[in-house]
Amino acid sequence: MTEKPTPVIADITIFPIGEGTSVGNYAREAFRAMKGIKTVMLEPTAMSTTVEAANLRDVLNALETAHEAVLKMGAKRIFIGLRVDHRLDKPHTANYKIKRITGQL
């Protein structure tokens, strides 16, 4: 992720329901679609994607893009999990938060 402070850090989880036990191809396509959005920074994790952006609109645009990608793959039902940290009192990044948790700062 970037070290440039952004006010919005989000965690997006998206996958189809009822499409079998393996949803990796759907997750990959959703991530690939979000990579096309130049106004967000992405970091894939084992269970979700961390998204950093200057504003909530860009995060929601990334989510909508991922949703459309999963729909195009034929999903009939989609689970979406979204958690947002919109911090305005001081600059922060996802990397800074990880360093604080792991004791690197």
PDB file of N, CA and C in Angstrom:
ATOM      1  N   MET A   1       0.844  -1.183   0.000  1.00  0.00           N
ATOM      2  CA  MET A   1       0.000   0.000   0.000  1.00  0.00           C
ATOM      3  C   MET A   1       0.883   1.238   0.000  1.00  0.00           C
ATOM      4  N   THR A   2       0.269   2.350  -0.134  1.00  0.00           N
ATOM      5  CA  THR A   2       0.986   3.604  -0.205  1.00  0.00           C
ATOM      6  C   THR A   2       1.256   4.166   1.186  1.00  0.00           C
ATOM      7  N   GLU A   3       2.203   5.066   1.254  1.00  0.00           N
ATOM      8  CA  GLU A   3       2.436   5.788   2.501  1.00  0.00           C
ATOM      9  C   GLU A   3       1.744   7.146   2.481  1.00  0.00           C
ATOM     10  N   LYS A   4       1.171   7.536   1.347  1.00  0.00           N
ATOM     11  CA  LYS A   4       0.449   8.798   1.260  1.00  0.00           C
ATOM     12  C   LYS A   4      -0.824   8.694   2.092  1.00  0.00           C
ATOM     13  N   PRO A   5      -1.008   9.583   3.067  1.00  0.00           N
ATOM     14  CA  PRO A   5      -2.200   9.497   3.920  1.00  0.00           C
ATOM     15  C   PRO A   5      -3.497   9.677   3.135  1.00  0.00           C
ATOM     16  N   THR A   6      -4.472   8.851   3.454  1.00  0.00           N
ATOM     17  CA  THR A   6      -5.797   8.957   2.859  1.00  0.00           C
ATOM     18  C   THR A   6      -6.830   8.909   3.972  1.00  0.00           C
ATOM     19  N   PRO A   7      -7.916   9.647   3.832  1.00  0.00           N
ATOM     20  CA  PRO A   7      -8.910   9.650   4.896  1.00  0.00           C
ATOM     21  C   PRO A   7      -9.813   8.423   4.937  1.00  0.00           C
ATOM     22  N   VAL A   8      -9.855   7.605   3.871  1.00  0.00           N
ATOM     23  CA  VAL A   8     -10.754   6.459   3.858  1.00  0.00           C
ATOM     24  C   VAL A   8      -9.966   5.175   3.617  1.00  0.00           C
ATOM     25  N   ILE A   9     -10.096   4.245   4.569  1.00  0.00           N
ATOM     26  CA  ILE A   9      -9.546   2.905   4.420  1.00  0.00           C
ATOM     27  C   ILE A   9     -10.727   1.952   4.552  1.00  0.00           C
ATOM     28  N   ALA A  10     -10.861   1.055   3.602  1.00  0.00           N
ATOM     29  CA  ALA A  10     -12.006   0.140   3.612  1.00  0.00           C
ATOM     30  C   ALA A  10     -11.535  -1.298   3.433  1.00  0.00           C
ATOM     31  N   ASP A  11     -12.387  -2.201   3.844  1.00  0.00           N
ATOM     32  CA  ASP A  11     -12.165  -3.630   3.692  1.00  0.00           C
ATOM     33  C   ASP A  11     -13.359  -4.180   2.927  1.00  0.00           C
ATOM     34  N   ILE A  12     -13.089  -4.741   1.745  1.00  0.00           N
ATOM     35  CA  ILE A  12     -14.164  -5.262   0.900  1.00  0.00           C
ATOM     36  C   ILE A  12     -14.024  -6.769   0.754  1.00  0.00           C
ATOM     37  N   THR A  13     -15.118  -7.465   1.020  1.00  0.00           N
ATOM     38  CA  THR A  13     -15.224  -8.896   0.766  1.00  0.00           C
ATOM     39  C   THR A  13     -16.397  -9.088  -0.181  1.00  0.00           C
ATOM     40  N   ILE A  14     -16.174  -9.835  -1.260  1.00  0.00           N
ATOM     41  CA  ILE A  14     -17.254 -10.071  -2.210  1.00  0.00           C
ATOM     42  C   ILE A  14     -17.079 -11.459  -2.819  1.00  0.00           C
ATOM     43  N   PHE A  15     -18.165 -12.231  -2.796  1.00  0.00           N
ATOM     44  CA  PHE A  15     -18.130 -13.561  -3.408  1.00  0.00           C
ATOM     45  C   PHE A  15     -19.549 -14.030  -3.677  1.00  0.00           C
ATOM     46  N   PRO A  16     -19.701 -14.937  -4.641  1.00  0.00           N
ATOM     47  CA  PRO A  16     -21.038 -15.455  -4.938  1.00  0.00           C
ATOM     48  C   PRO A  16     -21.445 -16.519  -3.928  1.00  0.00           C
ATOM     49  N   ILE A  17     -22.729 -16.662  -3.760  1.00  0.00           N
ATOM     50  CA  ILE A  17     -23.296 -17.716  -2.925  1.00  0.00           C
ATOM     51  C   ILE A  17     -23.964 -18.717  -3.871  1.00  0.00           C
ATOM     52  N   GLY A  18     -23.737 -20.001  -3.606  1.00  0.00           N
ATOM     53  CA  GLY A  18     -24.373 -21.032  -4.423  1.00  0.00           C
ATOM     54  C   GLY A  18     -23.621 -21.382  -5.690  1.00  0.00           C
ATOM     55  N   GLU A  19     -22.361 -20.993  -5.778  1.00  0.00           N
ATOM     56  CA  GLU A  19     -21.567 -21.275  -6.972  1.00  0.00           C
ATOM     57  C   GLU A  19     -20.480 -22.309  -6.699  1.00  0.00           C
ATOM     58  N   GLY A  20     -20.658 -23.105  -5.651  1.00  0.00           N
ATOM     59  CA  GLY A  20     -19.668 -24.119  -5.318  1.00  0.00           C
ATOM     60  C   GLY A  20     -18.817 -23.704  -4.126  1.00  0.00           C
ATOM     61  N   THR A  21     -17.878 -24.575  -3.781  1.00  0.00           N
ATOM     62  CA  THR A  21     -17.061 -24.327  -2.587  1.00  0.00           C
ATOM     63  C   THR A  21     -15.836 -23.463  -2.861  1.00  0.00           C
ATOM     64  N   SER A  22     -15.424 -23.331  -4.097  1.00  0.00           N
ATOM     65  CA  SER A  22     -14.263 -22.520  -4.435  1.00  0.00           C
ATOM     66  C   SER A  22     -14.717 -21.247  -5.140  1.00  0.00           C
ATOM     67  N   VAL A  23     -14.379 -20.109  -4.569  1.00  0.00           N
ATOM     68  CA  VAL A  23     -14.785 -18.831  -5.157  1.00  0.00           C
ATOM     69  C   VAL A  23     -13.575 -17.985  -5.556  1.00  0.00           C
ATOM     70  N   GLY A  24     -12.411 -18.611  -5.616  1.00  0.00           N
ATOM     71  CA  GLY A  24     -11.181 -17.889  -5.945  1.00  0.00           C
ATOM     72  C   GLY A  24     -11.213 -17.192  -7.291  1.00  0.00           C
ATOM     73  N   ASN A  25     -11.809 -17.816  -8.276  1.00  0.00           N
ATOM     74  CA  ASN A  25     -11.876 -17.176  -9.591  1.00  0.00           C
ATOM     75  C   ASN A  25     -12.715 -15.908  -9.553  1.00  0.00           C
ATOM     76  N   TYR A  26     -13.771 -15.929  -8.768  1.00  0.00           N
ATOM     77  CA  TYR A  26     -14.619 -14.741  -8.618  1.00  0.00           C
ATOM     78  C   TYR A  26     -13.855 -13.632  -7.893  1.00  0.00           C
ATOM     79  N   ALA A  27     -13.154 -14.004  -6.832  1.00  0.00           N
ATOM     80  CA  ALA A  27     -12.376 -13.015  -6.078  1.00  0.00           C
ATOM     81  C   ALA A  27     -11.293 -12.406  -6.966  1.00  0.00           C
ATOM     82  N   ARG A  28     -10.639 -13.232  -7.755  1.00  0.00           N
ATOM     83  CA  ARG A  28      -9.588 -12.744  -8.650  1.00  0.00           C
ATOM     84  C   ARG A  28     -10.159 -11.751  -9.663  1.00  0.00           C
ATOM     85  N   GLU A  29     -11.312 -12.082 -10.231  1.00  0.00           N
ATOM     86  CA  GLU A  29     -11.913 -11.200 -11.231  1.00  0.00           C
ATOM     87  C   GLU A  29     -12.389  -9.887 -10.602  1.00  0.00           C
ATOM     88  N   ALA A  30     -12.936  -9.959  -9.392  1.00  0.00           N
ATOM     89  CA  ALA A  30     -13.357  -8.746  -8.688  1.00  0.00           C
ATOM     90  C   ALA A  30     -12.153  -7.849  -8.422  1.00  0.00           C
ATOM     91  N   PHE A  31     -11.043  -8.442  -7.972  1.00  0.00           N
ATOM     92  CA  PHE A  31      -9.827  -7.674  -7.710  1.00  0.00           C
ATOM     93  C   PHE A  31      -9.289  -7.065  -9.001  1.00  0.00           C
ATOM     94  N   ARG A  32      -9.258  -7.869 -10.067  1.00  0.00           N
ATOM     95  CA  ARG A  32      -8.776  -7.365 -11.352  1.00  0.00           C
ATOM     96  C   ARG A  32      -9.592  -6.158 -11.813  1.00  0.00           C
ATOM     97  N   ALA A  33     -10.885  -6.233 -11.638  1.00  0.00           N
ATOM     98  CA  ALA A  33     -11.757  -5.125 -12.045  1.00  0.00           C
ATOM     99  C   ALA A  33     -11.472  -3.872 -11.217  1.00  0.00           C
ATOM    100  N   MET A  34     -11.279  -4.041  -9.911  1.00  0.00           N
ATOM    101  CA  MET A  34     -10.993  -2.877  -9.058  1.00  0.00           C
ATOM    102  C   MET A  34      -9.643  -2.259  -9.396  1.00  0.00           C
ATOM    103  N   LYS A  35      -8.687  -3.062  -9.864  1.00  0.00           N
ATOM    104  CA  LYS A  35      -7.369  -2.535 -10.229  1.00  0.00           C
ATOM    105  C   LYS A  35      -7.455  -1.502 -11.339  1.00  0.00           C
ATOM    106  N   GLY A  36      -8.519  -1.530 -12.114  1.00  0.00           N
ATOM    107  CA  GLY A  36      -8.694  -0.564 -13.187  1.00  0.00           C
ATOM    108  C   GLY A  36      -9.085   0.829 -12.713  1.00  0.00           C
ATOM    109  N   ILE A  37      -9.396   0.958 -11.452  1.00  0.00           N
ATOM    110  CA  ILE A  37      -9.797   2.260 -10.912  1.00  0.00           C
ATOM    111  C   ILE A  37      -8.550   2.959 -10.370  1.00  0.00           C
ATOM    112  N   LYS A  38      -8.183   4.050 -10.988  1.00  0.00           N
ATOM    113  CA  LYS A  38      -6.929   4.738 -10.653  1.00  0.00           C
ATOM    114  C   LYS A  38      -7.002   5.570  -9.379  1.00  0.00           C
ATOM    115  N   THR A  39      -8.193   5.784  -8.840  1.00  0.00           N
ATOM    116  CA  THR A  39      -8.338   6.643  -7.662  1.00  0.00           C
ATOM    117  C   THR A  39      -8.306   5.871  -6.347  1.00  0.00           C
ATOM    118  N   VAL A  40      -8.042   4.553  -6.416  1.00  0.00           N
ATOM    119  CA  VAL A  40      -7.936   3.750  -5.199  1.00  0.00           C
ATOM    120  C   VAL A  40      -6.630   2.974  -5.202  1.00  0.00           C
ATOM    121  N   MET A  41      -6.168   2.636  -4.010  1.00  0.00           N
ATOM    122  CA  MET A  41      -5.013   1.770  -3.840  1.00  0.00           C
ATOM    123  C   MET A  41      -5.520   0.480  -3.219  1.00  0.00           C
ATOM    124  N   LEU A  42      -5.066  -0.652  -3.719  1.00  0.00           N
ATOM    125  CA  LEU A  42      -5.578  -1.949  -3.296  1.00  0.00           C
ATOM    126  C   LEU A  42      -4.476  -2.811  -2.704  1.00  0.00           C
ATOM    127  N   GLU A  43      -4.862  -3.616  -1.721  1.00  0.00           N
ATOM    128  CA  GLU A  43      -3.974  -4.617  -1.147  1.00  0.00           C
ATOM    129  C   GLU A  43      -4.802  -5.871  -0.895  1.00  0.00           C
ATOM    130  N   PRO A  44      -4.566  -6.922  -1.679  1.00  0.00           N
ATOM    131  CA  PRO A  44      -5.329  -8.148  -1.438  1.00  0.00           C
ATOM    132  C   PRO A  44      -4.841  -8.829  -0.163  1.00  0.00           C
ATOM    133  N   THR A  45      -5.764  -9.456   0.544  1.00  0.00           N
ATOM    134  CA  THR A  45      -5.422 -10.266   1.712  1.00  0.00           C
ATOM    135  C   THR A  45      -6.055 -11.638   1.497  1.00  0.00           C
ATOM    136  N   ALA A  46      -5.846 -12.540   2.414  1.00  0.00           N
ATOM    137  CA  ALA A  46      -6.378 -13.894   2.256  1.00  0.00           C
ATOM    138  C   ALA A  46      -7.901 -13.931   2.249  1.00  0.00           C
ATOM    139  N   MET A  47      -8.550 -12.970   2.909  1.00  0.00           N
ATOM    140  CA  MET A  47     -10.004 -13.026   3.061  1.00  0.00           C
ATOM    141  C   MET A  47     -10.745 -11.826   2.464  1.00  0.00           C
ATOM    142  N   SER A  48     -10.009 -10.796   2.030  1.00  0.00           N
ATOM    143  CA  SER A  48     -10.663  -9.584   1.547  1.00  0.00           C
ATOM    144  C   SER A  48      -9.651  -8.728   0.792  1.00  0.00           C
ATOM    145  N   THR A  49     -10.065  -7.521   0.433  1.00  0.00           N
ATOM    146  CA  THR A  49      -9.181  -6.545  -0.192  1.00  0.00           C
ATOM    147  C   THR A  49      -9.254  -5.252   0.605  1.00  0.00           C
ATOM    148  N   THR A  50      -8.098  -4.725   0.962  1.00  0.00           N
ATOM    149  CA  THR A  50      -8.026  -3.420   1.614  1.00  0.00           C
ATOM    150  C   THR A  50      -7.980  -2.368   0.517  1.00  0.00           C
ATOM    151  N   VAL A  51      -8.824  -1.356   0.676  1.00  0.00           N
ATOM    152  CA  VAL A  51      -8.923  -0.285  -0.311  1.00  0.00           C
ATOM    153  C   VAL A  51      -8.652   1.040   0.396  1.00  0.00           C
ATOM    154  N   GLU A  52      -7.756   1.834  -0.173  1.00  0.00           N
ATOM    155  CA  GLU A  52      -7.496   3.176   0.340  1.00  0.00           C
ATOM    156  C   GLU A  52      -7.898   4.182  -0.729  1.00  0.00           C
ATOM    157  N   ALA A  53      -8.548   5.265  -0.292  1.00  0.00           N
ATOM    158  CA  ALA A  53      -9.002   6.280  -1.239  1.00  0.00           C
ATOM    159  C   ALA A  53      -9.111   7.630  -0.548  1.00  0.00           C
ATOM    160  N   ALA A  54      -9.184   8.657  -1.357  1.00  0.00           N
ATOM    161  CA  ALA A  54      -9.316  10.015  -0.831  1.00  0.00           C
ATOM    162  C   ALA A  54     -10.725  10.295  -0.325  1.00  0.00           C
ATOM    163  N   ASN A  55     -11.706   9.510  -0.806  1.00  0.00           N
ATOM    164  CA  ASN A  55     -13.083   9.765  -0.399  1.00  0.00           C
ATOM    165  C   ASN A  55     -13.907   8.480  -0.492  1.00  0.00           C
ATOM    166  N   LEU A  56     -15.055   8.508   0.139  1.00  0.00           N
ATOM    167  CA  LEU A  56     -15.933   7.351   0.176  1.00  0.00           C
ATOM    168  C   LEU A  56     -16.486   7.004  -1.204  1.00  0.00           C
ATOM    169  N   ARG A  57     -16.728   7.993  -2.021  1.00  0.00           N
ATOM    170  CA  ARG A  57     -17.265   7.761  -3.367  1.00  0.00           C
ATOM    171  C   ARG A  57     -16.354   6.829  -4.159  1.00  0.00           C
ATOM    172  N   ASP A  58     -15.040   7.021  -4.055  1.00  0.00           N
ATOM    173  CA  ASP A  58     -14.102   6.166  -4.777  1.00  0.00           C
ATOM    174  C   ASP A  58     -14.127   4.729  -4.256  1.00  0.00           C
ATOM    175  N   VAL A  59     -14.283   4.559  -2.946  1.00  0.00           N
ATOM    176  CA  VAL A  59     -14.396   3.219  -2.368  1.00  0.00           C
ATOM    177  C   VAL A  59     -15.657   2.531  -2.892  1.00  0.00           C
ATOM    178  N   LEU A  60     -16.760   3.257  -2.887  1.00  0.00           N
ATOM    179  CA  LEU A  60     -18.015   2.683  -3.363  1.00  0.00           C
ATOM    180  C   LEU A  60     -17.969   2.383  -4.862  1.00  0.00           C
ATOM    181  N   ASN A  61     -17.241   3.195  -5.613  1.00  0.00           N
ATOM    182  CA  ASN A  61     -17.044   2.925  -7.040  1.00  0.00           C
ATOM    183  C   ASN A  61     -16.271   1.620  -7.226  1.00  0.00           C
ATOM    184  N   ALA A  62     -15.253   1.399  -6.404  1.00  0.00           N
ATOM    185  CA  ALA A  62     -14.493   0.145  -6.470  1.00  0.00           C
ATOM    186  C   ALA A  62     -15.391  -1.038  -6.138  1.00  0.00           C
ATOM    187  N   LEU A  63     -16.216  -0.885  -5.118  1.00  0.00           N
ATOM    188  CA  LEU A  63     -17.140  -1.948  -4.735  1.00  0.00           C
ATOM    189  C   LEU A  63     -18.120  -2.254  -5.864  1.00  0.00           C
ATOM    190  N   GLU A  64     -18.673  -1.230  -6.460  1.00  0.00           N
ATOM    191  CA  GLU A  64     -19.624  -1.435  -7.550  1.00  0.00           C
ATOM    192  C   GLU A  64     -18.948  -2.118  -8.747  1.00  0.00           C
ATOM    193  N   THR A  65     -17.725  -1.741  -9.026  1.00  0.00           N
ATOM    194  CA  THR A  65     -16.976  -2.356 -10.125  1.00  0.00           C
ATOM    195  C   THR A  65     -16.736  -3.835  -9.858  1.00  0.00           C
ATOM    196  N   ALA A  66     -16.371  -4.173  -8.629  1.00  0.00           N
ATOM    197  CA  ALA A  66     -16.167  -5.579  -8.250  1.00  0.00           C
ATOM    198  C   ALA A  66     -17.476  -6.351  -8.374  1.00  0.00           C
ATOM    199  N   HIS A  67     -18.558  -5.750  -7.918  1.00  0.00           N
ATOM    200  CA  HIS A  67     -19.881  -6.371  -7.987  1.00  0.00           C
ATOM    201  C   HIS A  67     -20.263  -6.675  -9.435  1.00  0.00           C
ATOM    202  N   GLU A  68     -20.062  -5.715 -10.316  1.00  0.00           N
ATOM    203  CA  GLU A  68     -20.380  -5.914 -11.726  1.00  0.00           C
ATOM    204  C   GLU A  68     -19.542  -7.035 -12.332  1.00  0.00           C
ATOM    205  N   ALA A  69     -18.285  -7.140 -11.929  1.00  0.00           N
ATOM    206  CA  ALA A  69     -17.412  -8.197 -12.449  1.00  0.00           C
ATOM    207  C   ALA A  69     -17.915  -9.575 -12.041  1.00  0.00           C
ATOM    208  N   VAL A  70     -18.360  -9.711 -10.794  1.00  0.00           N
ATOM    209  CA  VAL A  70     -18.882 -10.996 -10.319  1.00  0.00           C
ATOM    210  C   VAL A  70     -20.206 -11.311 -11.017  1.00  0.00           C
ATOM    211  N   LEU A  71     -21.032 -10.308 -11.229  1.00  0.00           N
ATOM    212  CA  LEU A  71     -22.280 -10.517 -11.970  1.00  0.00           C
ATOM    213  C   LEU A  71     -22.007 -11.009 -13.390  1.00  0.00           C
ATOM    214  N   LYS A  72     -21.028 -10.415 -14.040  1.00  0.00           N
ATOM    215  CA  LYS A  72     -20.694 -10.800 -15.419  1.00  0.00           C
ATOM    216  C   LYS A  72     -20.226 -12.242 -15.505  1.00  0.00           C
ATOM    217  N   MET A  73     -19.742 -12.783 -14.400  1.00  0.00           N
ATOM    218  CA  MET A  73     -19.309 -14.187 -14.380  1.00  0.00           C
ATOM    219  C   MET A  73     -20.492 -15.133 -14.204  1.00  0.00           C
ATOM    220  N   GLY A  74     -21.697 -14.587 -14.033  1.00  0.00           N
ATOM    221  CA  GLY A  74     -22.883 -15.412 -13.950  1.00  0.00           C
ATOM    222  C   GLY A  74     -23.431 -15.657 -12.552  1.00  0.00           C
ATOM    223  N   ALA A  75     -22.877 -15.005 -11.547  1.00  0.00           N
ATOM    224  CA  ALA A  75     -23.374 -15.197 -10.181  1.00  0.00           C
ATOM    225  C   ALA A  75     -24.826 -14.735 -10.084  1.00  0.00           C
ATOM    226  N   LYS A  76     -25.629 -15.519  -9.381  1.00  0.00           N
ATOM    227  CA  LYS A  76     -27.045 -15.194  -9.196  1.00  0.00           C
ATOM    228  C   LYS A  76     -27.316 -14.597  -7.816  1.00  0.00           C
ATOM    229  N   ARG A  77     -26.374 -14.790  -6.903  1.00  0.00           N
ATOM    230  CA  ARG A  77     -26.506 -14.241  -5.555  1.00  0.00           C
ATOM    231  C   ARG A  77     -25.099 -13.893  -5.080  1.00  0.00           C
ATOM    232  N   ILE A  78     -24.939 -12.688  -4.526  1.00  0.00           N
ATOM    233  CA  ILE A  78     -23.613 -12.209  -4.159  1.00  0.00           C
ATOM    234  C   ILE A  78     -23.614 -11.693  -2.728  1.00  0.00           C
ATOM    235  N   PHE A  79     -22.621 -12.143  -1.955  1.00  0.00           N
ATOM    236  CA  PHE A  79     -22.397 -11.622  -0.607  1.00  0.00           C
ATOM    237  C   PHE A  79     -21.388 -10.491  -0.716  1.00  0.00           C
ATOM    238  N   ILE A  80     -21.682  -9.365  -0.037  1.00  0.00           N
ATOM    239  CA  ILE A  80     -20.762  -8.236   0.018  1.00  0.00           C
ATOM    240  C   ILE A  80     -20.584  -7.832   1.474  1.00  0.00           C
ATOM    241  N   GLY A  81     -19.337  -7.745   1.898  1.00  0.00           N
ATOM    242  CA  GLY A  81     -19.005  -7.223   3.222  1.00  0.00           C
ATOM    243  C   GLY A  81     -18.176  -5.963   3.032  1.00  0.00           C
ATOM    244  N   LEU A  82     -18.556  -4.890   3.708  1.00  0.00           N
ATOM    245  CA  LEU A  82     -17.841  -3.622   3.595  1.00  0.00           C
ATOM    246  C   LEU A  82     -17.655  -3.026   4.981  1.00  0.00           C
ATOM    247  N   ARG A  83     -16.401  -2.759   5.328  1.00  0.00           N
ATOM    248  CA  ARG A  83     -16.083  -2.036   6.563  1.00  0.00           C
ATOM    249  C   ARG A  83     -15.283  -0.808   6.168  1.00  0.00           C
ATOM    250  N   VAL A  84     -15.611   0.330   6.760  1.00  0.00           N
ATOM    251  CA  VAL A  84     -14.978   1.591   6.376  1.00  0.00           C
ATOM    252  C   VAL A  84     -14.462   2.322   7.603  1.00  0.00           C
ATOM    253  N   ASP A  85     -13.224   2.789   7.499  1.00  0.00           N
ATOM    254  CA  ASP A  85     -12.622   3.677   8.502  1.00  0.00           C
ATOM    255  C   ASP A  85     -12.406   5.017   7.813  1.00  0.00           C
ATOM    256  N   HIS A  86     -13.256   5.976   8.118  1.00  0.00           N
ATOM    257  CA  HIS A  86     -13.171   7.308   7.524  1.00  0.00           C
ATOM    258  C   HIS A  86     -12.674   8.261   8.605  1.00  0.00           C
ATOM    259  N   ARG A  87     -11.379   8.481   8.614  1.00  0.00           N
ATOM    260  CA  ARG A  87     -10.764   9.254   9.690  1.00  0.00           C
ATOM    261  C   ARG A  87     -10.390  10.637   9.184  1.00  0.00           C
ATOM    262  N   LEU A  88     -10.880  11.655   9.869  1.00  0.00           N
ATOM    263  CA  LEU A  88     -10.632  13.027   9.458  1.00  0.00           C
ATOM    264  C   LEU A  88      -9.773  13.815  10.446  1.00  0.00           C
ATOM    265  N   ASP A  89      -9.521  13.252  11.638  1.00  0.00           N
ATOM    266  CA  ASP A  89      -8.779  14.017  12.638  1.00  0.00           C
ATOM    267  C   ASP A  89      -7.279  14.037  12.397  1.00  0.00           C
ATOM    268  N   LYS A  90      -6.744  13.027  11.665  1.00  0.00           N
ATOM    269  CA  LYS A  90      -5.322  13.018  11.328  1.00  0.00           C
ATOM    270  C   LYS A  90      -5.107  12.070  10.154  1.00  0.00           C
ATOM    271  N   PRO A  91      -4.032  12.301   9.401  1.00  0.00           N
ATOM    272  CA  PRO A  91      -3.743  11.415   8.265  1.00  0.00           C
ATOM    273  C   PRO A  91      -3.420   9.998   8.734  1.00  0.00           C
ATOM    274  N   HIS A  92      -3.823   9.013   7.954  1.00  0.00           N
ATOM    275  CA  HIS A  92      -3.476   7.634   8.272  1.00  0.00           C
ATOM    276  C   HIS A  92      -3.452   6.794   6.997  1.00  0.00           C
ATOM    277  N   THR A  93      -2.784   5.659   7.062  1.00  0.00           N
ATOM    278  CA  THR A  93      -2.734   4.709   5.953  1.00  0.00           C
ATOM    279  C   THR A  93      -2.936   3.313   6.527  1.00  0.00           C
ATOM    280  N   ALA A  94      -3.277   2.382   5.674  1.00  0.00           N
ATOM    281  CA  ALA A  94      -3.415   0.993   6.115  1.00  0.00           C
ATOM    282  C   ALA A  94      -2.070   0.470   6.616  1.00  0.00           C
ATOM    283  N   ASN A  95      -0.996   0.813   5.929  1.00  0.00           N
ATOM    284  CA  ASN A  95       0.331   0.357   6.332  1.00  0.00           C
ATOM    285  C   ASN A  95       0.698   0.894   7.722  1.00  0.00           C
ATOM    286  N   TYR A  96       0.366   2.143   8.002  1.00  0.00           N
ATOM    287  CA  TYR A  96       0.631   2.716   9.322  1.00  0.00           C
ATOM    288  C   TYR A  96      -0.129   1.938  10.402  1.00  0.00           C
ATOM    289  N   LYS A  97      -1.375   1.617  10.128  1.00  0.00           N
ATOM    290  CA  LYS A  97      -2.171   0.867  11.105  1.00  0.00           C
ATOM    291  C   LYS A  97      -1.572  -0.509  11.373  1.00  0.00           C
ATOM    292  N   ILE A  98      -1.096  -1.172  10.316  1.00  0.00           N
ATOM    293  CA  ILE A  98      -0.475  -2.488  10.491  1.00  0.00           C
ATOM    294  C   ILE A  98       0.795  -2.367  11.316  1.00  0.00           C
ATOM    295  N   LYS A  99       1.595  -1.364  11.049  1.00  0.00           N
ATOM    296  CA  LYS A  99       2.827  -1.166  11.825  1.00  0.00           C
ATOM    297  C   LYS A  99       2.526  -0.899  13.293  1.00  0.00           C
ATOM    298  N   ARG A 100       1.472  -0.164  13.581  1.00  0.00           N
ATOM    299  CA  ARG A 100       1.078   0.106  14.969  1.00  0.00           C
ATOM    300  C   ARG A 100       0.669  -1.204  15.667  1.00  0.00           C
ATOM    301  N   ILE A 101      -0.064  -2.028  14.968  1.00  0.00           N
ATOM    302  CA  ILE A 101      -0.538  -3.294  15.563  1.00  0.00           C
ATOM    303  C   ILE A 101       0.607  -4.261  15.801  1.00  0.00           C
ATOM    304  N   THR A 102       1.551  -4.322  14.873  1.00  0.00           N
ATOM    305  CA  THR A 102       2.652  -5.279  14.976  1.00  0.00           C
ATOM    306  C   THR A 102       3.816  -4.756  15.795  1.00  0.00           C
ATOM    307  N   GLY A 103       3.699  -3.544  16.322  1.00  0.00           N
ATOM    308  CA  GLY A 103       4.739  -2.993  17.174  1.00  0.00           C
ATOM    309  C   GLY A 103       5.947  -2.451  16.433  1.00  0.00           C
ATOM    310  N   GLN A 104       5.812  -2.190  15.167  1.00  0.00           N
ATOM    311  CA  GLN A 104       6.918  -1.643  14.381  1.00  0.00           C
ATOM    312  C   GLN A 104       7.035  -0.138  14.517  1.00  0.00           C
ATOM    313  N   LEU A 105       6.115   0.491  15.206  1.00  0.00           N
ATOM    314  CA  LEU A 105       6.176   1.936  15.457  1.00  0.00           C
ATOM    315  C   LEU A 105       6.175   2.202  16.934  1.00  0.00           C
TER     316      LEU A 105
END
